[in-house]
């Protein structure tokens, strides 16, 4: 049996895809947040489908993730016509 190091395990469990859009630090951060959101929603739906968590709990967790994701979008200024102010 092949041995896997921690990096191999992380890449399997938490895959990241390269960013191909217009590069700005905000867009790159948003893309990372989007990938994490999608991955976590996938895990939650898998747990619910397997009967490990009830539907109501899955809904609550996904709703909380959406709230966090939407907040990060607003903080990064994604979708605004003007870039976020530098602090």
C-alpha atoms as a PDB file:
ATOM      1  CA  UNK A   1       0.000   0.000   0.000  1.00  0.00           C
ATOM      2  CA  UNK A   2       1.337   3.426  -0.925  1.00  0.00           C
ATOM      3  CA  UNK A   3       2.160   5.856   1.849  1.00  0.00           C
ATOM      4  CA  UNK A   4       0.706   9.337   1.774  1.00  0.00           C
ATOM      5  CA  UNK A   5       2.249  12.290   3.528  1.00  0.00           C
ATOM      6  CA  UNK A   6       0.229  15.081   5.145  1.00  0.00           C
ATOM      7  CA  UNK A   7       0.497  17.245   2.024  1.00  0.00           C
ATOM      8  CA  UNK A   8      -1.029  14.468  -0.118  1.00  0.00           C
ATOM      9  CA  UNK A   9      -3.877  14.076   2.354  1.00  0.00           C
ATOM     10  CA  UNK A  10      -4.510  17.827   2.478  1.00  0.00           C
ATOM     11  CA  UNK A  11      -4.512  18.065  -1.309  1.00  0.00           C
ATOM     12  CA  UNK A  12      -7.018  15.212  -1.488  1.00  0.00           C
ATOM     13  CA  UNK A  13      -9.320  16.524   1.241  1.00  0.00           C
ATOM     14  CA  UNK A  14      -8.944  20.224   0.453  1.00  0.00           C
ATOM     15  CA  UNK A  15      -8.237  20.555  -3.265  1.00  0.00           C
ATOM     16  CA  UNK A  16      -7.549  24.034  -4.629  1.00  0.00           C
ATOM     17  CA  UNK A  17      -7.896  25.059  -8.214  1.00  0.00           C
ATOM     18  CA  UNK A  18      -5.806  27.822  -9.768  1.00  0.00           C
ATOM     19  CA  UNK A  19      -7.392  31.233 -10.254  1.00  0.00           C
ATOM     20  CA  UNK A  20      -7.817  32.330 -13.883  1.00  0.00           C
ATOM     21  CA  UNK A  21      -9.717  35.628 -13.582  1.00  0.00           C
ATOM     22  CA  UNK A  22      -8.599  39.241 -13.496  1.00  0.00           C
ATOM     23  CA  UNK A  23      -5.969  39.324 -10.798  1.00  0.00           C
ATOM     24  CA  UNK A  24      -6.482  41.523  -7.800  1.00  0.00           C
ATOM     25  CA  UNK A  25      -5.791  40.504  -4.212  1.00  0.00           C
ATOM     26  CA  UNK A  26      -9.539  40.833  -3.531  1.00  0.00           C
ATOM     27  CA  UNK A  27     -10.492  38.558  -6.428  1.00  0.00           C
ATOM     28  CA  UNK A  28      -7.915  35.976  -5.380  1.00  0.00           C
ATOM     29  CA  UNK A  29      -9.174  36.003  -1.774  1.00  0.00           C
ATOM     30  CA  UNK A  30     -12.782  35.779  -2.960  1.00  0.00           C
ATOM     31  CA  UNK A  31     -11.938  32.813  -5.163  1.00  0.00           C
ATOM     32  CA  UNK A  32     -10.304  31.004  -2.221  1.00  0.00           C
ATOM     33  CA  UNK A  33     -13.378  31.755  -0.082  1.00  0.00           C
ATOM     34  CA  UNK A  34     -15.673  30.489  -2.835  1.00  0.00           C
ATOM     35  CA  UNK A  35     -13.739  27.231  -3.164  1.00  0.00           C
ATOM     36  CA  UNK A  36     -13.847  26.698   0.595  1.00  0.00           C
ATOM     37  CA  UNK A  37     -17.576  27.490   0.712  1.00  0.00           C
ATOM     38  CA  UNK A  38     -18.323  25.000  -2.070  1.00  0.00           C
ATOM     39  CA  UNK A  39     -16.202  22.303  -0.463  1.00  0.00           C
ATOM     40  CA  UNK A  40     -17.797  22.709   2.961  1.00  0.00           C
ATOM     41  CA  UNK A  41     -21.305  22.690   1.479  1.00  0.00           C
ATOM     42  CA  UNK A  42     -20.375  19.451  -0.277  1.00  0.00           C
ATOM     43  CA  UNK A  43     -19.273  17.872   3.009  1.00  0.00           C
ATOM     44  CA  UNK A  44     -22.455  18.989   4.763  1.00  0.00           C
ATOM     45  CA  UNK A  45     -24.699  17.642   2.006  1.00  0.00           C
ATOM     46  CA  UNK A  46     -22.766  14.359   2.032  1.00  0.00           C
ATOM     47  CA  UNK A  47     -23.305  14.037   5.794  1.00  0.00           C
ATOM     48  CA  UNK A  48     -27.005  14.804   5.429  1.00  0.00           C
ATOM     49  CA  UNK A  49     -27.431  12.374   2.538  1.00  0.00           C
ATOM     50  CA  UNK A  50     -25.706   9.638   4.553  1.00  0.00           C
ATOM     51  CA  UNK A  51     -28.051  10.262   7.480  1.00  0.00           C
ATOM     52  CA  UNK A  52     -25.258  11.483   9.770  1.00  0.00           C
ATOM     53  CA  UNK A  53     -26.903  14.857  10.416  1.00  0.00           C
ATOM     54  CA  UNK A  54     -30.565  15.863  10.140  1.00  0.00           C
ATOM     55  CA  UNK A  55     -31.764  18.034   7.255  1.00  0.00           C
ATOM     56  CA  UNK A  56     -32.492  20.938   9.584  1.00  0.00           C
ATOM     57  CA  UNK A  57     -28.915  20.895  10.888  1.00  0.00           C
ATOM     58  CA  UNK A  58     -27.521  20.755   7.345  1.00  0.00           C
ATOM     59  CA  UNK A  59     -29.701  23.725   6.403  1.00  0.00           C
ATOM     60  CA  UNK A  60     -28.571  25.678   9.470  1.00  0.00           C
ATOM     61  CA  UNK A  61     -24.899  25.011   8.775  1.00  0.00           C
ATOM     62  CA  UNK A  62     -25.170  25.934   5.104  1.00  0.00           C
ATOM     63  CA  UNK A  63     -27.101  29.090   5.953  1.00  0.00           C
ATOM     64  CA  UNK A  64     -24.341  30.094   8.397  1.00  0.00           C
ATOM     65  CA  UNK A  65     -21.666  29.399   5.777  1.00  0.00           C
ATOM     66  CA  UNK A  66     -23.593  31.513   3.271  1.00  0.00           C
ATOM     67  CA  UNK A  67     -23.794  34.399   5.746  1.00  0.00           C
ATOM     68  CA  UNK A  68     -20.027  34.226   6.318  1.00  0.00           C
ATOM     69  CA  UNK A  69     -19.318  33.945   2.592  1.00  0.00           C
ATOM     70  CA  UNK A  70     -21.593  36.865   1.741  1.00  0.00           C
ATOM     71  CA  UNK A  71     -19.929  38.995   4.433  1.00  0.00           C
ATOM     72  CA  UNK A  72     -16.501  38.241   2.981  1.00  0.00           C
ATOM     73  CA  UNK A  73     -17.775  39.247  -0.466  1.00  0.00           C
ATOM     74  CA  UNK A  74     -18.957  42.576   0.870  1.00  0.00           C
ATOM     75  CA  UNK A  75     -15.759  43.163   2.867  1.00  0.00           C
ATOM     76  CA  UNK A  76     -13.656  42.477  -0.221  1.00  0.00           C
ATOM     77  CA  UNK A  77     -15.793  44.805  -2.337  1.00  0.00           C
ATOM     78  CA  UNK A  78     -16.561  42.126  -4.893  1.00  0.00           C
ATOM     79  CA  UNK A  79     -19.365  43.211  -7.217  1.00  0.00           C
ATOM     80  CA  UNK A  80     -18.903  46.902  -6.466  1.00  0.00           C
ATOM     81  CA  UNK A  81     -17.910  49.258  -9.259  1.00  0.00           C
ATOM     82  CA  UNK A  82     -15.272  50.822  -7.032  1.00  0.00           C
ATOM     83  CA  UNK A  83     -12.468  48.910  -5.304  1.00  0.00           C
ATOM     84  CA  UNK A  84     -12.496  48.718  -1.499  1.00  0.00           C
ATOM     85  CA  UNK A  85     -10.762  51.509   0.348  1.00  0.00           C
ATOM     86  CA  UNK A  86      -7.226  50.875   1.489  1.00  0.00           C
ATOM     87  CA  UNK A  87      -6.854  50.914   5.245  1.00  0.00           C
END
